[in-house]
mmCIF file of all heavy atoms, coordinates in Angstrom:
data_MODEL
# 
_entry.id   MODEL 
# 
loop_
_atom_site.group_PDB 
_atom_site.id 
_atom_site.type_symbol 
_atom_site.label_atom_id 
_atom_site.label_alt_id 
_atom_site.label_comp_id 
_atom_site.label_asym_id 
_atom_site.label_entity_id 
_atom_site.label_seq_id 
_atom_site.pdbx_PDB_ins_code 
_atom_site.Cartn_x 
_atom_site.Cartn_y 
_atom_site.Cartn_z 
_atom_site.occupancy 
_atom_site.B_iso_or_equiv 
_atom_site.pdbx_formal_charge 
_atom_site.auth_seq_id 
_atom_site.auth_comp_id 
_atom_site.auth_asym_id 
_atom_site.auth_atom_id 
_atom_site.pdbx_PDB_model_num 
ATOM 1   N N   . ILE A 1 1  ? -7.418  5.924  2.768   1.00 0.00 ? 1  ILE A N   1 
ATOM 2   C CA  . ILE A 1 1  ? -6.071  5.588  2.289   1.00 0.00 ? 1  ILE A CA  1 
ATOM 3   C C   . ILE A 1 1  ? -6.009  4.104  1.912   1.00 0.00 ? 1  ILE A C   1 
ATOM 4   O O   . ILE A 1 1  ? -5.347  3.716  0.955   1.00 0.00 ? 1  ILE A O   1 
ATOM 5   C CB  . ILE A 1 1  ? -4.982  5.955  3.349   1.00 0.00 ? 1  ILE A CB  1 
ATOM 6   C CG1 . ILE A 1 1  ? -3.576  5.656  2.825   1.00 0.00 ? 1  ILE A CG1 1 
ATOM 7   C CG2 . ILE A 1 1  ? -5.171  5.229  4.660   1.00 0.00 ? 1  ILE A CG2 1 
ATOM 8   C CD1 . ILE A 1 1  ? -3.000  6.670  1.929   1.00 0.00 ? 1  ILE A CD1 1 
ATOM 9   N N   . GLY A 1 2  ? -6.760  3.274  2.632   1.00 0.00 ? 2  GLY A N   1 
ATOM 10  C CA  . GLY A 1 2  ? -6.822  1.852  2.304   1.00 0.00 ? 2  GLY A CA  1 
ATOM 11  C C   . GLY A 1 2  ? -7.417  1.602  0.932   1.00 0.00 ? 2  GLY A C   1 
ATOM 12  O O   . GLY A 1 2  ? -6.916  0.784  0.155   1.00 0.00 ? 2  GLY A O   1 
ATOM 13  N N   . GLU A 1 3  ? -8.467  2.343  0.611   1.00 0.00 ? 3  GLU A N   1 
ATOM 14  C CA  . GLU A 1 3  ? -9.117  2.200  -0.700  1.00 0.00 ? 3  GLU A CA  1 
ATOM 15  C C   . GLU A 1 3  ? -8.192  2.697  -1.820  1.00 0.00 ? 3  GLU A C   1 
ATOM 16  O O   . GLU A 1 3  ? -8.157  2.111  -2.905  1.00 0.00 ? 3  GLU A O   1 
ATOM 17  C CB  . GLU A 1 3  ? -10.437 2.975  -0.713  1.00 0.00 ? 3  GLU A CB  1 
ATOM 18  C CG  . GLU A 1 3  ? -11.550 2.265  0.063   1.00 0.00 ? 3  GLU A CG  1 
ATOM 19  C CD  . GLU A 1 3  ? -12.758 3.171  0.291   1.00 0.00 ? 3  GLU A CD  1 
ATOM 20  O OE1 . GLU A 1 3  ? -12.877 4.190  -0.424  1.00 0.00 ? 3  GLU A OE1 1 
ATOM 21  O OE2 . GLU A 1 3  ? -13.566 2.855  1.198   1.00 0.00 ? 3  GLU A OE2 1 
ATOM 22  N N   . ARG A 1 4  ? -7.441  3.748  -1.544  1.00 0.00 ? 4  ARG A N   1 
ATOM 23  C CA  . ARG A 1 4  ? -6.528  4.286  -2.560  1.00 0.00 ? 4  ARG A CA  1 
ATOM 24  C C   . ARG A 1 4  ? -5.372  3.325  -2.835  1.00 0.00 ? 4  ARG A C   1 
ATOM 25  O O   . ARG A 1 4  ? -4.973  3.132  -3.974  1.00 0.00 ? 4  ARG A O   1 
ATOM 26  C CB  . ARG A 1 4  ? -5.968  5.644  -2.115  1.00 0.00 ? 4  ARG A CB  1 
ATOM 27  C CG  . ARG A 1 4  ? -6.936  6.793  -2.264  1.00 0.00 ? 4  ARG A CG  1 
ATOM 28  C CD  . ARG A 1 4  ? -6.220  8.130  -2.444  1.00 0.00 ? 4  ARG A CD  1 
ATOM 29  N NE  . ARG A 1 4  ? -5.256  8.416  -1.387  1.00 0.00 ? 4  ARG A NE  1 
ATOM 30  C CZ  . ARG A 1 4  ? -5.582  8.920  -0.190  1.00 0.00 ? 4  ARG A CZ  1 
ATOM 31  N NH1 . ARG A 1 4  ? -6.845  9.167  0.103   1.00 0.00 ? 4  ARG A NH1 1 
ATOM 32  N NH2 . ARG A 1 4  ? -4.639  9.182  0.691   1.00 0.00 ? 4  ARG A NH2 1 
ATOM 33  N N   . LEU A 1 5  ? -4.862  2.725  -1.782  1.00 0.00 ? 5  LEU A N   1 
ATOM 34  C CA  . LEU A 1 5  ? -3.715  1.823  -1.942  1.00 0.00 ? 5  LEU A CA  1 
ATOM 35  C C   . LEU A 1 5  ? -4.111  0.479  -2.532  1.00 0.00 ? 5  LEU A C   1 
ATOM 36  O O   . LEU A 1 5  ? -3.382  -0.105 -3.326  1.00 0.00 ? 5  LEU A O   1 
ATOM 37  C CB  . LEU A 1 5  ? -3.043  1.592  -0.574  1.00 0.00 ? 5  LEU A CB  1 
ATOM 38  C CG  . LEU A 1 5  ? -2.257  2.753  0.017   1.00 0.00 ? 5  LEU A CG  1 
ATOM 39  C CD1 . LEU A 1 5  ? -1.940  2.482  1.487   1.00 0.00 ? 5  LEU A CD1 1 
ATOM 40  C CD2 . LEU A 1 5  ? -0.970  2.972  -0.759  1.00 0.00 ? 5  LEU A CD2 1 
ATOM 41  N N   . GLY A 1 6  ? -5.279  -0.011 -2.130  1.00 0.00 ? 6  GLY A N   1 
ATOM 42  C CA  . GLY A 1 6  ? -5.719  -1.332 -2.579  1.00 0.00 ? 6  GLY A CA  1 
ATOM 43  C C   . GLY A 1 6  ? -4.836  -2.431 -1.993  1.00 0.00 ? 6  GLY A C   1 
ATOM 44  O O   . GLY A 1 6  ? -4.019  -2.205 -1.099  1.00 0.00 ? 6  GLY A O   1 
ATOM 45  N N   . TRP A 1 7  ? -4.986  -3.641 -2.527  1.00 0.00 ? 7  TRP A N   1 
ATOM 46  C CA  . TRP A 1 7  ? -4.253  -4.792 -2.021  1.00 0.00 ? 7  TRP A CA  1 
ATOM 47  C C   . TRP A 1 7  ? -3.001  -5.129 -2.825  1.00 0.00 ? 7  TRP A C   1 
ATOM 48  O O   . TRP A 1 7  ? -2.102  -5.793 -2.323  1.00 0.00 ? 7  TRP A O   1 
ATOM 49  C CB  . TRP A 1 7  ? -5.178  -6.018 -1.997  1.00 0.00 ? 7  TRP A CB  1 
ATOM 50  C CG  . TRP A 1 7  ? -6.084  -6.034 -0.807  1.00 0.00 ? 7  TRP A CG  1 
ATOM 51  C CD1 . TRP A 1 7  ? -7.271  -5.371 -0.663  1.00 0.00 ? 7  TRP A CD1 1 
ATOM 52  C CD2 . TRP A 1 7  ? -5.876  -6.735 0.423   1.00 0.00 ? 7  TRP A CD2 1 
ATOM 53  N NE1 . TRP A 1 7  ? -7.812  -5.609 0.569   1.00 0.00 ? 7  TRP A NE1 1 
ATOM 54  C CE2 . TRP A 1 7  ? -6.983  -6.453 1.261   1.00 0.00 ? 7  TRP A CE2 1 
ATOM 55  C CE3 . TRP A 1 7  ? -4.870  -7.580 0.890   1.00 0.00 ? 7  TRP A CE3 1 
ATOM 56  C CZ2 . TRP A 1 7  ? -7.110  -6.987 2.542   1.00 0.00 ? 7  TRP A CZ2 1 
ATOM 57  C CZ3 . TRP A 1 7  ? -4.988  -8.113 2.169   1.00 0.00 ? 7  TRP A CZ3 1 
ATOM 58  C CH2 . TRP A 1 7  ? -6.096  -7.813 2.987   1.00 0.00 ? 7  TRP A CH2 1 
ATOM 59  N N   . ASP A 1 8  ? -2.962  -4.693 -4.058  1.00 0.00 ? 8  ASP A N   1 
ATOM 60  C CA  . ASP A 1 8  ? -1.875  -5.115 -4.943  1.00 0.00 ? 8  ASP A CA  1 
ATOM 61  C C   . ASP A 1 8  ? -0.974  -3.947 -5.339  1.00 0.00 ? 8  ASP A C   1 
ATOM 62  O O   . ASP A 1 8  ? -1.455  -2.816 -5.500  1.00 0.00 ? 8  ASP A O   1 
ATOM 63  C CB  . ASP A 1 8  ? -2.458  -5.782 -6.186  1.00 0.00 ? 8  ASP A CB  1 
ATOM 64  C CG  . ASP A 1 8  ? -3.285  -7.006 -5.819  1.00 0.00 ? 8  ASP A CG  1 
ATOM 65  O OD1 . ASP A 1 8  ? -2.735  -7.910 -5.157  1.00 0.00 ? 8  ASP A OD1 1 
ATOM 66  O OD2 . ASP A 1 8  ? -4.480  -7.050 -6.174  1.00 0.00 ? 8  ASP A OD2 1 
ATOM 67  N N   . PRO A 1 9  ? 0.322   -4.217 -5.504  1.00 0.00 ? 9  PRO A N   1 
ATOM 68  C CA  . PRO A 1 9  ? 1.275   -3.163 -5.883  1.00 0.00 ? 9  PRO A CA  1 
ATOM 69  C C   . PRO A 1 9  ? 0.899   -2.507 -7.206  1.00 0.00 ? 9  PRO A C   1 
ATOM 70  O O   . PRO A 1 9  ? 0.369   -3.162 -8.103  1.00 0.00 ? 9  PRO A O   1 
ATOM 71  C CB  . PRO A 1 9  ? 2.604   -3.921 -6.020  1.00 0.00 ? 9  PRO A CB  1 
ATOM 72  C CG  . PRO A 1 9  ? 2.425   -5.203 -5.284  1.00 0.00 ? 9  PRO A CG  1 
ATOM 73  C CD  . PRO A 1 9  ? 0.966   -5.534 -5.372  1.00 0.00 ? 9  PRO A CD  1 
ATOM 74  N N   . LYS A 1 10 ? 1.185   -1.222 -7.299  1.00 0.00 ? 10 LYS A N   1 
ATOM 75  C CA  . LYS A 1 10 ? 0.932   -0.484 -8.535  1.00 0.00 ? 10 LYS A CA  1 
ATOM 76  C C   . LYS A 1 10 ? 2.268   -0.195 -9.230  1.00 0.00 ? 10 LYS A C   1 
ATOM 77  O O   . LYS A 1 10 ? 3.299   -0.130 -8.573  1.00 0.00 ? 10 LYS A O   1 
ATOM 78  C CB  . LYS A 1 10 ? 0.199   0.820  -8.215  1.00 0.00 ? 10 LYS A CB  1 
ATOM 79  C CG  . LYS A 1 10 ? -1.208  0.587  -7.660  1.00 0.00 ? 10 LYS A CG  1 
ATOM 80  C CD  . LYS A 1 10 ? -1.858  1.892  -7.237  1.00 0.00 ? 10 LYS A CD  1 
ATOM 81  C CE  . LYS A 1 10 ? -3.294  1.661  -6.770  1.00 0.00 ? 10 LYS A CE  1 
ATOM 82  N NZ  . LYS A 1 10 ? -3.401  0.727  -5.650  1.00 0.00 ? 10 LYS A NZ  1 
ATOM 83  N N   . PRO A 1 11 ? 2.252   -0.052 -10.549 1.00 0.00 ? 11 PRO A N   1 
ATOM 84  C CA  . PRO A 1 11 ? 3.499   0.229  -11.287 1.00 0.00 ? 11 PRO A CA  1 
ATOM 85  C C   . PRO A 1 11 ? 4.202   1.467  -10.735 1.00 0.00 ? 11 PRO A C   1 
ATOM 86  O O   . PRO A 1 11 ? 3.555   2.478  -10.445 1.00 0.00 ? 11 PRO A O   1 
ATOM 87  C CB  . PRO A 1 11 ? 3.018   0.469  -12.721 1.00 0.00 ? 11 PRO A CB  1 
ATOM 88  C CG  . PRO A 1 11 ? 1.704   -0.243 -12.803 1.00 0.00 ? 11 PRO A CG  1 
ATOM 89  C CD  . PRO A 1 11 ? 1.081   -0.131 -11.445 1.00 0.00 ? 11 PRO A CD  1 
ATOM 90  N N   . GLY A 1 12 ? 5.508   1.360  -10.554 1.00 0.00 ? 12 GLY A N   1 
ATOM 91  C CA  . GLY A 1 12 ? 6.289   2.502  -10.096 1.00 0.00 ? 12 GLY A CA  1 
ATOM 92  C C   . GLY A 1 12 ? 6.272   2.736  -8.597  1.00 0.00 ? 12 GLY A C   1 
ATOM 93  O O   . GLY A 1 12 ? 6.804   3.740  -8.108  1.00 0.00 ? 12 GLY A O   1 
ATOM 94  N N   . GLU A 1 13 ? 5.663   1.823  -7.876  1.00 0.00 ? 13 GLU A N   1 
ATOM 95  C CA  . GLU A 1 13 ? 5.600   1.975  -6.427  1.00 0.00 ? 13 GLU A CA  1 
ATOM 96  C C   . GLU A 1 13 ? 6.976   1.815  -5.794  1.00 0.00 ? 13 GLU A C   1 
ATOM 97  O O   . GLU A 1 13 ? 7.806   1.041  -6.259  1.00 0.00 ? 13 GLU A O   1 
ATOM 98  C CB  . GLU A 1 13 ? 4.691   0.881  -5.827  1.00 0.00 ? 13 GLU A CB  1 
ATOM 99  C CG  . GLU A 1 13 ? 3.338   1.387  -5.442  1.00 0.00 ? 13 GLU A CG  1 
ATOM 100 C CD  . GLU A 1 13 ? 2.560   0.343  -4.664  1.00 0.00 ? 13 GLU A CD  1 
ATOM 101 O OE1 . GLU A 1 13 ? 3.125   -0.676 -4.236  1.00 0.00 ? 13 GLU A OE1 1 
ATOM 102 O OE2 . GLU A 1 13 ? 1.358   0.557  -4.511  1.00 0.00 ? 13 GLU A OE2 1 
ATOM 103 N N   . GLY A 1 14 ? 7.187   2.525  -4.694  1.00 0.00 ? 14 GLY A N   1 
ATOM 104 C CA  . GLY A 1 14 ? 8.430   2.388  -3.950  1.00 0.00 ? 14 GLY A CA  1 
ATOM 105 C C   . GLY A 1 14 ? 8.251   1.493  -2.726  1.00 0.00 ? 14 GLY A C   1 
ATOM 106 O O   . GLY A 1 14 ? 7.142   1.034  -2.434  1.00 0.00 ? 14 GLY A O   1 
ATOM 107 N N   . HIS A 1 15 ? 9.342   1.279  -2.018  1.00 0.00 ? 15 HIS A N   1 
ATOM 108 C CA  . HIS A 1 15 ? 9.346   0.424  -0.829  1.00 0.00 ? 15 HIS A CA  1 
ATOM 109 C C   . HIS A 1 15 ? 8.392   0.957  0.237   1.00 0.00 ? 15 HIS A C   1 
ATOM 110 O O   . HIS A 1 15 ? 7.691   0.191  0.907   1.00 0.00 ? 15 HIS A O   1 
ATOM 111 C CB  . HIS A 1 15 ? 10.778  0.340  -0.277  1.00 0.00 ? 15 HIS A CB  1 
ATOM 112 C CG  . HIS A 1 15 ? 10.886  -0.424 1.003   1.00 0.00 ? 15 HIS A CG  1 
ATOM 113 N ND1 . HIS A 1 15 ? 10.506  -1.748 1.131   1.00 0.00 ? 15 HIS A ND1 1 
ATOM 114 C CD2 . HIS A 1 15 ? 11.329  -0.047 2.231   1.00 0.00 ? 15 HIS A CD2 1 
ATOM 115 C CE1 . HIS A 1 15 ? 10.716  -2.159 2.369   1.00 0.00 ? 15 HIS A CE1 1 
ATOM 116 N NE2 . HIS A 1 15 ? 11.203  -1.144 3.053   1.00 0.00 ? 15 HIS A NE2 1 
ATOM 117 N N   . LEU A 1 16 ? 8.353   2.283  0.398   1.00 0.00 ? 16 LEU A N   1 
ATOM 118 C CA  . LEU A 1 16 ? 7.506   2.879  1.431   1.00 0.00 ? 16 LEU A CA  1 
ATOM 119 C C   . LEU A 1 16 ? 6.018   2.682  1.144   1.00 0.00 ? 16 LEU A C   1 
ATOM 120 O O   . LEU A 1 16 ? 5.210   2.603  2.069   1.00 0.00 ? 16 LEU A O   1 
ATOM 121 C CB  . LEU A 1 16 ? 7.815   4.365  1.606   1.00 0.00 ? 16 LEU A CB  1 
ATOM 122 C CG  . LEU A 1 16 ? 9.153   4.693  2.279   1.00 0.00 ? 16 LEU A CG  1 
ATOM 123 C CD1 . LEU A 1 16 ? 9.359   6.196  2.359   1.00 0.00 ? 16 LEU A CD1 1 
ATOM 124 C CD2 . LEU A 1 16 ? 9.233   4.073  3.674   1.00 0.00 ? 16 LEU A CD2 1 
ATOM 125 N N   . ASP A 1 17 ? 5.665   2.594  -0.134  1.00 0.00 ? 17 ASP A N   1 
ATOM 126 C CA  . ASP A 1 17 ? 4.264   2.348  -0.498  1.00 0.00 ? 17 ASP A CA  1 
ATOM 127 C C   . ASP A 1 17 ? 3.839   0.952  -0.039  1.00 0.00 ? 17 ASP A C   1 
ATOM 128 O O   . ASP A 1 17 ? 2.722   0.753  0.444   1.00 0.00 ? 17 ASP A O   1 
ATOM 129 C CB  . ASP A 1 17 ? 4.058   2.481  -2.011  1.00 0.00 ? 17 ASP A CB  1 
ATOM 130 C CG  . ASP A 1 17 ? 4.275   3.906  -2.495  1.00 0.00 ? 17 ASP A CG  1 
ATOM 131 O OD1 . ASP A 1 17 ? 3.634   4.806  -1.938  1.00 0.00 ? 17 ASP A OD1 1 
ATOM 132 O OD2 . ASP A 1 17 ? 5.084   4.107  -3.400  1.00 0.00 ? 17 ASP A OD2 1 
ATOM 133 N N   . ALA A 1 18 ? 4.735   -0.015 -0.209  1.00 0.00 ? 18 ALA A N   1 
ATOM 134 C CA  . ALA A 1 18 ? 4.447   -1.379 0.237   1.00 0.00 ? 18 ALA A CA  1 
ATOM 135 C C   . ALA A 1 18 ? 4.319   -1.429 1.755   1.00 0.00 ? 18 ALA A C   1 
ATOM 136 O O   . ALA A 1 18 ? 3.423   -2.095 2.300   1.00 0.00 ? 18 ALA A O   1 
ATOM 137 C CB  . ALA A 1 18 ? 5.542   -2.337 -0.234  1.00 0.00 ? 18 ALA A CB  1 
ATOM 138 N N   . LEU A 1 19 ? 5.203   -0.711 2.453   1.00 0.00 ? 19 LEU A N   1 
ATOM 139 C CA  . LEU A 1 19 ? 5.125   -0.644 3.912   1.00 0.00 ? 19 LEU A CA  1 
ATOM 140 C C   . LEU A 1 19 ? 3.817   0.005  4.360   1.00 0.00 ? 19 LEU A C   1 
ATOM 141 O O   . LEU A 1 19 ? 3.175   -0.457 5.305   1.00 0.00 ? 19 LEU A O   1 
ATOM 142 C CB  . LEU A 1 19 ? 6.309   0.160  4.474   1.00 0.00 ? 19 LEU A CB  1 
ATOM 143 C CG  . LEU A 1 19 ? 7.664   -0.523 4.525   1.00 0.00 ? 19 LEU A CG  1 
ATOM 144 C CD1 . LEU A 1 19 ? 8.715   0.444  5.054   1.00 0.00 ? 19 LEU A CD1 1 
ATOM 145 C CD2 . LEU A 1 19 ? 7.623   -1.773 5.391   1.00 0.00 ? 19 LEU A CD2 1 
ATOM 146 N N   . LEU A 1 20 ? 3.444   1.077  3.674   1.00 0.00 ? 20 LEU A N   1 
ATOM 147 C CA  . LEU A 1 20 ? 2.207   1.788  4.011   1.00 0.00 ? 20 LEU A CA  1 
ATOM 148 C C   . LEU A 1 20 ? 0.996   0.886  3.797   1.00 0.00 ? 20 LEU A C   1 
ATOM 149 O O   . LEU A 1 20 ? 0.081   0.849  4.628   1.00 0.00 ? 20 LEU A O   1 
ATOM 150 C CB  . LEU A 1 20 ? 2.081   3.065  3.170   1.00 0.00 ? 20 LEU A CB  1 
ATOM 151 C CG  . LEU A 1 20 ? 0.841   3.925  3.422   1.00 0.00 ? 20 LEU A CG  1 
ATOM 152 C CD1 . LEU A 1 20 ? 0.753   4.346  4.880   1.00 0.00 ? 20 LEU A CD1 1 
ATOM 153 C CD2 . LEU A 1 20 ? 0.860   5.161  2.519   1.00 0.00 ? 20 LEU A CD2 1 
ATOM 154 N N   . ARG A 1 21 ? 0.980   0.135  2.707   1.00 0.00 ? 21 ARG A N   1 
ATOM 155 C CA  . ARG A 1 21 ? -0.135  -0.772 2.428   1.00 0.00 ? 21 ARG A CA  1 
ATOM 156 C C   . ARG A 1 21 ? -0.286  -1.795 3.573   1.00 0.00 ? 21 ARG A C   1 
ATOM 157 O O   . ARG A 1 21 ? -1.383  -2.025 4.071   1.00 0.00 ? 21 ARG A O   1 
ATOM 158 C CB  . ARG A 1 21 ? 0.081   -1.484 1.090   1.00 0.00 ? 21 ARG A CB  1 
ATOM 159 C CG  . ARG A 1 21 ? -1.042  -2.477 0.755   1.00 0.00 ? 21 ARG A CG  1 
ATOM 160 C CD  . ARG A 1 21 ? -0.867  -3.111 -0.610  1.00 0.00 ? 21 ARG A CD  1 
ATOM 161 N NE  . ARG A 1 21 ? -1.081  -2.126 -1.669  1.00 0.00 ? 21 ARG A NE  1 
ATOM 162 C CZ  . ARG A 1 21 ? -0.126  -1.581 -2.396  1.00 0.00 ? 21 ARG A CZ  1 
ATOM 163 N NH1 . ARG A 1 21 ? 1.134   -1.944 -2.206  1.00 0.00 ? 21 ARG A NH1 1 
ATOM 164 N NH2 . ARG A 1 21 ? -0.407  -0.695 -3.317  1.00 0.00 ? 21 ARG A NH2 1 
ATOM 165 N N   . GLY A 1 22 ? 0.826   -2.385 3.963   1.00 0.00 ? 22 GLY A N   1 
ATOM 166 C CA  . GLY A 1 22 ? 0.787   -3.362 5.056   1.00 0.00 ? 22 GLY A CA  1 
ATOM 167 C C   . GLY A 1 22 ? 0.296   -2.754 6.352   1.00 0.00 ? 22 GLY A C   1 
ATOM 168 O O   . GLY A 1 22 ? -0.521  -3.341 7.072   1.00 0.00 ? 22 GLY A O   1 
ATOM 169 N N   . LEU A 1 23 ? 0.780   -1.552 6.653   1.00 0.00 ? 23 LEU A N   1 
ATOM 170 C CA  . LEU A 1 23 ? 0.370   -0.844 7.872   1.00 0.00 ? 23 LEU A CA  1 
ATOM 171 C C   . LEU A 1 23 ? -1.127  -0.562 7.880   1.00 0.00 ? 23 LEU A C   1 
ATOM 172 O O   . LEU A 1 23 ? -1.828  -0.861 8.849   1.00 0.00 ? 23 LEU A O   1 
ATOM 173 C CB  . LEU A 1 23 ? 1.150   0.470  7.977   1.00 0.00 ? 23 LEU A CB  1 
ATOM 174 C CG  . LEU A 1 23 ? 0.748   1.404  9.121   1.00 0.00 ? 23 LEU A CG  1 
ATOM 175 C CD1 . LEU A 1 23 ? 1.419   0.959  10.412  1.00 0.00 ? 23 LEU A CD1 1 
ATOM 176 C CD2 . LEU A 1 23 ? 1.129   2.843  8.807   1.00 0.00 ? 23 LEU A CD2 1 
ATOM 177 N N   . VAL A 1 24 ? -1.617  0.002  6.765   1.00 0.00 ? 24 VAL A N   1 
ATOM 178 C CA  . VAL A 1 24 ? -3.022  0.422  6.671   1.00 0.00 ? 24 VAL A CA  1 
ATOM 179 C C   . VAL A 1 24 ? -3.963  -0.781 6.679   1.00 0.00 ? 24 VAL A C   1 
ATOM 180 O O   . VAL A 1 24 ? -4.968  -0.797 7.415   1.00 0.00 ? 24 VAL A O   1 
ATOM 181 C CB  . VAL A 1 24 ? -3.238  1.286  5.410   1.00 0.00 ? 24 VAL A CB  1 
ATOM 182 C CG1 . VAL A 1 24 ? -4.724  1.528  5.162   1.00 0.00 ? 24 VAL A CG1 1 
ATOM 183 C CG2 . VAL A 1 24 ? -2.502  2.609  5.551   1.00 0.00 ? 24 VAL A CG2 1 
ATOM 184 N N   . LEU A 1 25 ? -3.653  -1.802 5.886   1.00 0.00 ? 25 LEU A N   1 
ATOM 185 C CA  . LEU A 1 25 ? -4.535  -2.971 5.834   1.00 0.00 ? 25 LEU A CA  1 
ATOM 186 C C   . LEU A 1 25 ? -4.559  -3.707 7.174   1.00 0.00 ? 25 LEU A C   1 
ATOM 187 O O   . LEU A 1 25 ? -5.613  -4.200 7.592   1.00 0.00 ? 25 LEU A O   1 
ATOM 188 C CB  . LEU A 1 25 ? -4.086  -3.913 4.715   1.00 0.00 ? 25 LEU A CB  1 
ATOM 189 C CG  . LEU A 1 25 ? -4.295  -3.387 3.293   1.00 0.00 ? 25 LEU A CG  1 
ATOM 190 C CD1 . LEU A 1 25 ? -3.729  -4.368 2.272   1.00 0.00 ? 25 LEU A CD1 1 
ATOM 191 C CD2 . LEU A 1 25 ? -5.780  -3.120 3.006   1.00 0.00 ? 25 LEU A CD2 1 
ATOM 192 N N   . GLY A 1 26 ? -3.409  -3.746 7.844   1.00 0.00 ? 26 GLY A N   1 
ATOM 193 C CA  . GLY A 1 26 ? -3.370  -4.372 9.163   1.00 0.00 ? 26 GLY A CA  1 
ATOM 194 C C   . GLY A 1 26 ? -4.216  -3.617 10.166  1.00 0.00 ? 26 GLY A C   1 
ATOM 195 O O   . GLY A 1 26 ? -4.929  -4.217 10.978  1.00 0.00 ? 26 GLY A O   1 
ATOM 196 N N   . LYS A 1 27 ? -4.144  -2.306 10.113  1.00 0.00 ? 27 LYS A N   1 
ATOM 197 C CA  . LYS A 1 27 ? -4.915  -1.472 11.042  1.00 0.00 ? 27 LYS A CA  1 
ATOM 198 C C   . LYS A 1 27 ? -6.415  -1.630 10.776  1.00 0.00 ? 27 LYS A C   1 
ATOM 199 O O   . LYS A 1 27 ? -7.213  -1.780 11.717  1.00 0.00 ? 27 LYS A O   1 
ATOM 200 C CB  . LYS A 1 27 ? -4.510  -0.008 10.860  1.00 0.00 ? 27 LYS A CB  1 
ATOM 201 C CG  . LYS A 1 27 ? -4.784  0.860  12.062  1.00 0.00 ? 27 LYS A CG  1 
ATOM 202 C CD  . LYS A 1 27 ? -3.791  0.612  13.161  1.00 0.00 ? 27 LYS A CD  1 
ATOM 203 C CE  . LYS A 1 27 ? -3.996  1.563  14.335  1.00 0.00 ? 27 LYS A CE  1 
ATOM 204 N NZ  . LYS A 1 27 ? -3.135  1.208  15.480  1.00 0.00 ? 27 LYS A NZ  1 
# 
């Protein structure tokens, strides 16, 4: 999931996607 999300926001992303990215990268 970390590889799919990457580090940078993607076009059309929602708030939950940003939260998920932070959660996954932190873990």
